Amino acid sequence: MGSLLLDSITKEVVMIMSMKKTASVILSAVILILSCGCGASSQQNSEAPEIPAKQDITSCTKELFAMDTYMTVTAYGEKAEKAVGEALSEIQRLDALLSTENTESEISLLNKKGSAKLSEDSTYLYEKAKYIYDTTGGAYDITIYPLMKLWGFDGGEPSLPEDSEIKAVLANIGSDRLKYSDGTLTLGQSQGIDLGGIAKGYTSGRIMQIFEENDISSGVVSLGGNVQCYKKKPDGSLWRCGITDPDNPDDTSSLIGKVEVEDKAVITSGGYERFFTDEKSGVTYHHIMDPETGYSAKSGLKSVSIVSSDGTLADGLSTACFVLGREKALKYWENHRKECDMILVTDDGEVIVTSGISGAFSSDRDFTVYNGSR
């Protein structure tokens, strides 16, 4: 299992996007090992500046399972318990609203009826998904849901479909076929959508708003490995997020590196998260589908980490840039460097860090800083 390690005051965040490997499907899970419950804390950590005892901080940490993964929310401040309670309620509300597995959710009913009036949350997510679709040339596409179902990556048992089946589904994929007018979204023929690729990023962003409304002094959330940090750590230092080694995703001591952040989301996508090996051919397929081919993306990348103040954007871009591959992903960053930064790990082990976060990134490995081609 991957893990996010944190003591009740100052331990660094280690973001691990990893799974327990099995012969069939790999389920997303991130365990957070923290001091449980709510209360005052003045613990110290040798890796960070000490907090004077007189500055005891009220903290609260709670965990739950939602959106098919383990989640942990931690807040510091006088209203920490209230904020965390509201955050958990918000997670459950959004899960019920957006889940494709819940037959009564807004998205499931839309897929069933083909047209529906969208809520404020779903409208925001649709518009953000459309933005990512347009700016990445379709690399991120919410209409691949029928393709994910065909492959069994929607929570079923993954298996290799027939090429004819893939082609038949591909014929109906494309967010440009969606029609949105006066708050109503209408799907094209045989289409279905899934907002799960950006739902956790949106949820972490909503929790940041809850933290702000409750005057939280510091906080961090991990939603299935999607990490978003609120302000600085209680001791005033930056949060440190560790990027998983895609070759050793279960080993928390084997990291690509660590990036220091404040008020940022750090979200990683990689083929090691969910995959299966076809028994007949021995070929391994992962869950990140290329909307053009209908097969697992073969982009020359093992993982993509996006760092952004916008959790929703980071969530979608981590998938889109994985599909785009090294050159196109870096070109995207050149044109959108004010919105995000990225850490790419190529198939041959090269680590590339965009210059916007190069000063905040540290690693025991060699890495290349990308400044852009212009």
Protein backbone atom coordinates (compact mmCIF):
# COMPACT_ATOMS: atom_id res chain seq x y z
CA MET A 1 0.00 0.00 0.00
CA GLY A 2 1.05 3.54 -0.60
CA SER A 3 0.88 5.84 2.38
CA LEU A 4 0.73 9.46 3.37
CA LEU A 5 2.83 9.88 6.50
CA LEU A 6 2.21 12.76 8.84
CA ASP A 7 2.56 13.30 12.57
CA SER A 8 -0.04 15.40 14.31
CA ILE A 9 1.89 18.61 13.78
CA THR A 10 4.84 18.70 11.45
CA LYS A 11 5.66 15.54 9.54
CA GLU A 12 6.06 15.87 5.83
CA VAL A 13 3.36 14.68 3.48
CA VAL A 14 4.37 11.73 1.38
CA MET A 15 1.95 11.36 -1.51
CA ILE A 16 1.88 7.83 -2.84
CA MET A 17 -0.26 6.91 -5.81
CA SER A 18 0.03 3.15 -5.46
CA MET A 19 -1.97 -0.02 -5.17
CA LYS A 20 -1.74 -3.49 -3.75
CA LYS A 21 -0.67 -5.56 -6.76
CA THR A 22 -2.93 -8.48 -7.66
CA ALA A 23 -3.25 -10.72 -10.68
CA SER A 24 -6.44 -9.00 -11.78
CA VAL A 25 -7.51 -5.51 -10.82
CA ILE A 26 -5.74 -2.97 -8.65
CA LEU A 27 -7.94 -0.85 -6.39
CA SER A 28 -6.90 2.66 -5.49
CA ALA A 29 -6.09 3.06 -1.82
CA VAL A 30 -4.00 5.45 0.21
CA ILE A 31 -3.62 5.00 3.94
CA LEU A 32 -2.87 7.97 6.08
CA ILE A 33 -1.06 7.21 9.31
CA LEU A 34 -1.80 10.06 11.66
CA SER A 35 -2.70 10.79 15.25
CA CYS A 36 -6.40 10.03 15.30
CA GLY A 37 -9.21 12.10 16.70
CA CYS A 38 -9.44 15.73 17.66
CA GLY A 39 -7.66 17.71 20.34
CA ALA A 40 -4.71 19.89 21.24
CA SER A 41 -1.26 18.87 20.11
CA SER A 42 2.25 20.15 20.59
CA GLN A 43 4.26 17.21 19.24
CA GLN A 44 7.48 18.01 17.47
CA ASN A 45 9.44 16.44 14.67
CA SER A 46 13.18 16.44 14.09
CA GLU A 47 12.62 17.11 10.38
CA ALA A 48 10.95 20.49 10.97
CA PRO A 49 11.37 23.51 13.25
CA GLU A 50 10.00 23.01 16.74
CA ILE A 51 6.78 24.67 17.81
CA PRO A 52 7.02 26.34 21.23
CA ALA A 53 4.92 24.51 23.82
CA LYS A 54 2.88 27.63 24.52
CA GLN A 55 1.64 27.53 20.93
CA ASP A 56 -0.34 24.32 21.34
CA ILE A 57 -2.57 23.87 18.32
CA THR A 58 -6.00 22.32 18.28
CA SER A 59 -6.13 19.72 15.54
CA CYS A 60 -8.53 17.20 14.11
CA THR A 61 -8.00 14.27 11.79
CA LYS A 62 -10.70 11.97 10.47
CA GLU A 63 -10.81 9.26 7.84
CA LEU A 64 -13.49 7.74 5.65
CA PHE A 65 -13.94 5.57 2.60
CA ALA A 66 -15.66 7.32 -0.30
CA MET A 67 -15.29 7.67 -4.08
CA ASP A 68 -13.86 4.13 -4.03
CA THR A 69 -10.82 5.09 -1.98
CA TYR A 70 -9.57 5.93 1.49
CA MET A 71 -9.54 9.59 2.43
CA THR A 72 -8.10 11.59 5.30
CA VAL A 73 -8.78 15.18 6.28
CA THR A 74 -6.62 17.06 8.80
CA ALA A 75 -7.16 20.60 10.05
CA TYR A 76 -5.51 22.86 12.64
CA GLY A 77 -7.27 25.71 14.39
CA GLU A 78 -9.98 26.48 16.93
CA LYS A 79 -12.69 25.22 14.57
CA ALA A 80 -10.72 22.21 13.38
CA GLU A 81 -13.31 19.63 14.45
CA LYS A 82 -16.16 21.59 12.87
CA ALA A 83 -14.25 22.07 9.62
CA VAL A 84 -13.30 18.41 9.34
CA GLY A 85 -16.90 17.37 10.04
CA GLU A 86 -18.15 19.67 7.31
CA ALA A 87 -15.46 18.39 4.95
CA LEU A 88 -16.52 14.77 5.45
CA SER A 89 -20.15 15.69 4.85
CA GLU A 90 -19.13 17.47 1.64
CA ILE A 91 -17.20 14.42 0.45
CA GLN A 92 -20.24 12.21 0.99
CA ARG A 93 -22.54 14.72 -0.73
CA LEU A 94 -20.34 14.94 -3.82
CA ASP A 95 -19.85 11.17 -3.92
CA ALA A 96 -23.60 10.66 -3.97
CA LEU A 97 -24.00 13.34 -6.64
CA LEU A 98 -21.25 12.28 -9.05
CA SER A 99 -20.73 8.52 -8.68
CA THR A 100 -21.42 6.44 -11.78
CA GLU A 101 -21.84 3.40 -9.54
CA ASN A 102 -24.74 5.00 -7.67
CA THR A 103 -27.72 4.44 -9.96
CA GLU A 104 -29.54 7.42 -8.41
CA SER A 105 -26.70 9.91 -8.78
CA GLU A 106 -27.06 12.92 -11.04
CA ILE A 107 -24.46 11.55 -13.46
CA SER A 108 -25.98 8.06 -13.60
CA LEU A 109 -29.42 9.49 -14.32
CA LEU A 110 -27.94 11.72 -17.01
CA ASN A 111 -26.27 8.71 -18.64
CA LYS A 112 -29.53 6.78 -18.48
CA LYS A 113 -31.79 9.54 -19.84
CA GLY A 114 -29.31 11.15 -22.22
CA SER A 115 -30.14 14.68 -21.07
CA ALA A 116 -30.48 16.42 -17.71
CA LYS A 117 -30.35 19.75 -15.95
CA LEU A 118 -27.01 19.98 -14.18
CA SER A 119 -26.45 21.07 -10.61
CA GLU A 120 -23.99 23.86 -9.84
CA ASP A 121 -21.29 21.31 -8.99
CA SER A 122 -21.75 19.25 -12.14
CA THR A 123 -21.91 22.38 -14.28
CA TYR A 124 -18.56 23.54 -12.91
CA LEU A 125 -17.02 20.12 -13.50
CA TYR A 126 -18.40 19.88 -17.04
CA GLU A 127 -17.02 23.31 -17.91
CA LYS A 128 -13.62 22.49 -16.40
CA ALA A 129 -13.55 19.13 -18.22
CA LYS A 130 -14.41 20.89 -21.48
CA TYR A 131 -11.59 23.38 -20.91
CA ILE A 132 -9.08 20.58 -20.38
CA TYR A 133 -10.47 18.71 -23.40
CA ASP A 134 -10.15 21.78 -25.62
CA THR A 135 -6.70 22.85 -24.46
CA THR A 136 -5.18 19.35 -24.63
CA GLY A 137 -6.63 18.43 -28.01
CA GLY A 138 -8.98 15.85 -26.51
CA ALA A 139 -6.40 14.02 -24.39
CA TYR A 140 -8.79 14.25 -21.44
CA ASP A 141 -12.31 13.24 -22.41
CA ILE A 142 -15.19 12.53 -20.01
CA THR A 143 -17.07 10.65 -22.75
CA ILE A 144 -14.68 7.68 -22.58
CA TYR A 145 -16.91 6.20 -19.85
CA PRO A 146 -18.35 3.51 -22.20
CA LEU A 147 -14.77 2.60 -23.11
CA MET A 148 -13.82 2.24 -19.45
CA LYS A 149 -16.85 0.00 -18.94
CA LEU A 150 -15.88 -2.10 -21.95
CA TRP A 151 -12.42 -2.68 -20.49
CA GLY A 152 -13.83 -3.32 -17.01
CA PHE A 153 -12.00 -0.34 -15.49
CA ASP A 154 -15.25 1.09 -14.10
CA GLY A 155 -15.10 -1.15 -11.06
CA GLY A 156 -15.62 -4.42 -12.90
CA GLU A 157 -13.17 -7.18 -13.76
CA PRO A 158 -10.68 -5.79 -16.33
CA SER A 159 -10.11 -7.78 -19.49
CA LEU A 160 -9.00 -7.21 -23.08
CA PRO A 161 -11.95 -6.44 -25.38
CA GLU A 162 -12.13 -7.43 -29.03
CA ASP A 163 -10.69 -4.84 -31.39
CA SER A 164 -14.09 -4.60 -33.14
CA GLU A 165 -15.75 -3.77 -29.81
CA ILE A 166 -13.23 -1.01 -29.14
CA LYS A 167 -13.78 0.50 -32.59
CA ALA A 168 -17.54 0.46 -32.12
CA VAL A 169 -17.29 2.35 -28.83
CA LEU A 170 -14.69 4.79 -30.17
CA ALA A 171 -17.11 5.88 -32.87
CA ASN A 172 -19.24 7.60 -30.22
CA ILE A 173 -16.50 9.17 -28.10
CA GLY A 174 -15.85 12.90 -28.16
CA SER A 175 -16.77 15.74 -25.83
CA ASP A 176 -17.37 17.91 -28.90
CA ARG A 177 -20.58 15.90 -29.40
CA LEU A 178 -21.98 17.01 -26.06
CA LYS A 179 -24.48 19.85 -26.17
CA TYR A 180 -24.86 22.24 -23.26
CA SER A 181 -27.53 24.93 -23.19
CA ASP A 182 -29.31 26.81 -20.40
CA GLY A 183 -27.92 24.48 -17.75
CA THR A 184 -28.93 21.29 -19.55
CA LEU A 185 -26.37 18.80 -20.85
CA THR A 186 -27.40 16.51 -23.69
CA LEU A 187 -25.31 13.50 -24.67
CA GLY A 188 -24.68 12.31 -28.19
CA GLN A 189 -25.83 8.92 -29.44
CA SER A 190 -24.63 6.02 -27.26
CA GLN A 191 -22.58 8.38 -25.12
CA GLY A 192 -21.99 8.33 -21.38
CA ILE A 193 -19.85 10.52 -19.17
CA ASP A 194 -17.81 10.06 -16.02
CA LEU A 195 -16.57 13.05 -14.01
CA GLY A 196 -14.54 10.82 -11.69
CA GLY A 197 -11.29 11.89 -13.32
CA ILE A 198 -11.64 15.36 -11.80
CA ALA A 199 -14.11 14.74 -8.97
CA LYS A 200 -11.50 14.20 -6.25
CA GLY A 201 -9.58 17.28 -7.31
CA TYR A 202 -12.79 19.29 -7.17
CA THR A 203 -13.61 17.81 -3.77
CA SER A 204 -10.24 18.76 -2.30
CA GLY A 205 -10.78 22.28 -3.62
CA ARG A 206 -14.15 22.45 -1.89
CA ILE A 207 -12.51 21.36 1.35
CA MET A 208 -10.01 24.21 1.01
CA GLN A 209 -13.02 26.56 0.86
CA ILE A 210 -14.45 24.96 4.00
CA PHE A 211 -11.11 25.46 5.75
CA GLU A 212 -11.14 29.12 4.80
CA GLU A 213 -14.72 29.60 6.00
CA ASN A 214 -13.74 28.15 9.39
CA ASP A 215 -10.55 30.21 9.78
CA ILE A 216 -8.38 27.09 9.75
CA SER A 217 -4.71 27.96 10.22
CA SER A 218 -3.32 24.90 8.43
CA GLY A 219 -4.62 21.74 6.84
CA VAL A 220 -4.08 18.91 4.40
CA VAL A 221 -6.34 16.43 2.66
CA SER A 222 -5.55 13.18 0.89
CA LEU A 223 -8.35 11.86 -1.28
CA GLY A 224 -7.10 8.57 -2.62
CA GLY A 225 -3.64 9.98 -3.03
CA ASN A 226 -4.76 13.34 -4.39
CA VAL A 227 -3.08 15.67 -1.92
CA GLN A 228 -4.02 19.30 -1.43
CA CYS A 229 -2.42 21.49 1.23
CA TYR A 230 -3.95 24.53 2.91
CA LYS A 231 -1.57 27.33 3.82
CA LYS A 232 1.69 26.26 5.45
CA LYS A 233 2.31 23.61 8.11
CA PRO A 234 1.52 24.64 11.69
CA ASP A 235 5.20 25.39 12.34
CA GLY A 236 5.29 27.83 9.42
CA SER A 237 7.28 25.63 7.06
CA LEU A 238 6.10 24.36 3.68
CA TRP A 239 4.37 21.03 3.19
CA ARG A 240 6.61 18.42 1.56
CA CYS A 241 4.92 16.06 -0.90
CA GLY A 242 6.80 12.97 -1.99
CA ILE A 243 6.34 11.73 -5.55
CA THR A 244 5.97 7.97 -5.92
CA ASP A 245 8.57 5.97 -7.79
CA PRO A 246 6.44 4.28 -10.48
CA ASP A 247 8.88 1.34 -10.51
CA ASN A 248 8.48 0.82 -6.74
CA PRO A 249 5.05 2.24 -5.88
CA ASP A 250 4.69 0.19 -2.69
CA ASP A 251 7.99 1.38 -1.24
CA THR A 252 7.59 4.73 0.54
CA SER A 253 11.36 4.97 0.95
CA SER A 254 11.84 4.90 -2.83
CA LEU A 255 10.63 8.27 -4.07
CA ILE A 256 11.28 10.21 -7.25
CA GLY A 257 11.69 13.28 -5.07
CA LYS A 258 9.85 15.75 -2.87
CA VAL A 259 8.25 19.07 -3.68
CA GLU A 260 7.55 21.79 -1.12
CA VAL A 261 4.21 23.55 -1.49
CA GLU A 262 1.80 25.99 0.09
CA ASP A 263 -1.86 26.29 -0.96
CA LYS A 264 -1.31 23.77 -3.74
CA ALA A 265 -2.62 20.42 -4.93
CA VAL A 266 -0.12 17.74 -5.94
CA ILE A 267 -1.76 15.02 -8.02
CA THR A 268 -0.11 12.11 -9.83
CA SER A 269 -1.34 9.73 -12.52
CA GLY A 270 0.53 6.63 -13.60
CA GLY A 271 -0.02 3.32 -15.31
CA TYR A 272 0.99 1.49 -12.13
CA GLU A 273 -2.19 2.57 -10.35
CA ARG A 274 -4.60 0.11 -11.99
CA PHE A 275 -3.63 -2.54 -14.50
CA PHE A 276 -3.98 -6.17 -15.50
CA THR A 277 -2.02 -8.62 -17.62
CA ASP A 278 -3.81 -10.44 -20.41
CA GLU A 279 -3.34 -14.17 -19.84
CA LYS A 280 -3.20 -15.07 -23.52
CA SER A 281 -0.74 -12.47 -24.77
CA GLY A 282 1.10 -11.62 -21.55
CA VAL A 283 0.64 -7.92 -22.37
CA THR A 284 -0.07 -5.55 -19.49
CA TYR A 285 -2.76 -2.89 -19.89
CA HIS A 286 -3.39 0.03 -17.57
CA HIS A 287 -6.45 2.18 -16.91
CA ILE A 288 -5.34 5.44 -18.54
CA MET A 289 -7.05 5.17 -21.91
CA ASP A 290 -6.03 7.06 -25.03
CA PRO A 291 -9.29 8.49 -26.46
CA GLU A 292 -7.85 8.22 -29.97
CA THR A 293 -6.87 4.54 -29.96
CA GLY A 294 -9.21 3.08 -27.35
CA TYR A 295 -6.26 1.29 -25.74
CA SER A 296 -4.03 2.07 -22.77
CA ALA A 297 -1.99 5.18 -23.52
CA LYS A 298 1.53 4.46 -24.79
CA SER A 299 3.07 7.89 -24.44
CA GLY A 300 6.56 7.10 -23.19
CA LEU A 301 5.66 8.26 -19.66
CA LYS A 302 5.43 6.24 -16.46
CA SER A 303 3.88 8.99 -14.36
CA VAL A 304 2.83 12.63 -14.40
CA SER A 305 2.53 14.82 -11.30
CA ILE A 306 0.76 18.16 -11.58
CA VAL A 307 1.24 20.94 -9.04
CA SER A 308 -1.43 23.63 -9.12
CA SER A 309 -3.54 25.83 -6.87
CA ASP A 310 -6.54 24.42 -8.77
CA GLY A 311 -7.16 20.85 -7.62
CA THR A 312 -9.73 20.16 -10.33
CA LEU A 313 -7.35 21.26 -13.05
CA ALA A 314 -4.47 19.28 -11.55
CA ASP A 315 -6.60 16.14 -11.45
CA GLY A 316 -7.58 16.33 -15.10
CA LEU A 317 -4.19 17.45 -16.36
CA SER A 318 -2.35 14.58 -14.66
CA THR A 319 -4.35 12.22 -16.88
CA ALA A 320 -4.28 14.39 -19.99
CA CYS A 321 -0.53 14.97 -19.89
CA PHE A 322 0.10 11.26 -19.37
CA VAL A 323 -1.80 10.64 -22.60
CA LEU A 324 -0.03 13.50 -24.41
CA GLY A 325 3.48 12.26 -23.66
CA ARG A 326 6.69 14.12 -22.86
CA GLU A 327 6.94 16.63 -25.72
CA LYS A 328 3.28 17.61 -25.92
CA ALA A 329 2.93 17.79 -22.13
CA LEU A 330 5.90 20.15 -21.86
CA LYS A 331 4.54 22.22 -24.75
CA TYR A 332 1.26 22.45 -22.86
CA TRP A 333 3.12 23.72 -19.82
CA GLU A 334 4.85 26.38 -21.91
CA ASN A 335 1.45 27.77 -22.87
CA HIS A 336 -0.13 27.35 -19.43
CA ARG A 337 2.77 27.80 -17.01
CA LYS A 338 0.76 30.23 -14.86
CA GLU A 339 -1.79 27.50 -14.17
CA CYS A 340 0.41 24.55 -13.26
CA ASP A 341 3.79 22.89 -13.03
CA MET A 342 4.63 19.27 -13.64
CA ILE A 343 6.99 16.43 -12.84
CA LEU A 344 7.31 13.83 -15.58
CA VAL A 345 8.89 10.38 -15.30
CA THR A 346 9.65 8.79 -18.66
CA ASP A 347 9.76 5.12 -19.55
CA ASP A 348 13.56 5.21 -19.53
CA GLY A 349 13.64 6.74 -16.04
CA GLU A 350 14.31 10.38 -16.88
CA VAL A 351 12.81 12.84 -14.38
CA ILE A 352 11.78 16.22 -15.80
CA VAL A 353 10.69 19.12 -13.57
CA THR A 354 9.28 22.35 -14.98
CA SER A 355 11.12 25.45 -13.87
CA GLY A 356 8.23 26.92 -11.89
CA ILE A 357 8.79 24.38 -9.10
CA SER A 358 12.41 23.39 -9.72
CA GLY A 359 13.56 25.39 -6.69
CA ALA A 360 11.02 23.61 -4.50
CA PHE A 361 11.88 20.13 -5.78
CA SER A 362 14.58 17.95 -4.23
CA SER A 363 15.73 14.47 -5.12
CA ASP A 364 18.58 12.01 -4.61
CA ARG A 365 18.32 11.30 -8.33
CA ASP A 366 19.44 13.29 -11.31
CA PHE A 367 16.66 15.34 -12.84
CA THR A 368 16.27 17.77 -15.70
CA VAL A 369 14.80 21.25 -15.24
CA TYR A 370 12.68 22.32 -18.19
CA ASN A 371 12.58 26.08 -18.82
CA GLY A 372 10.74 26.02 -22.12
CA SER A 373 11.81 26.25 -25.71
CA ARG A 374 11.23 29.98 -26.06
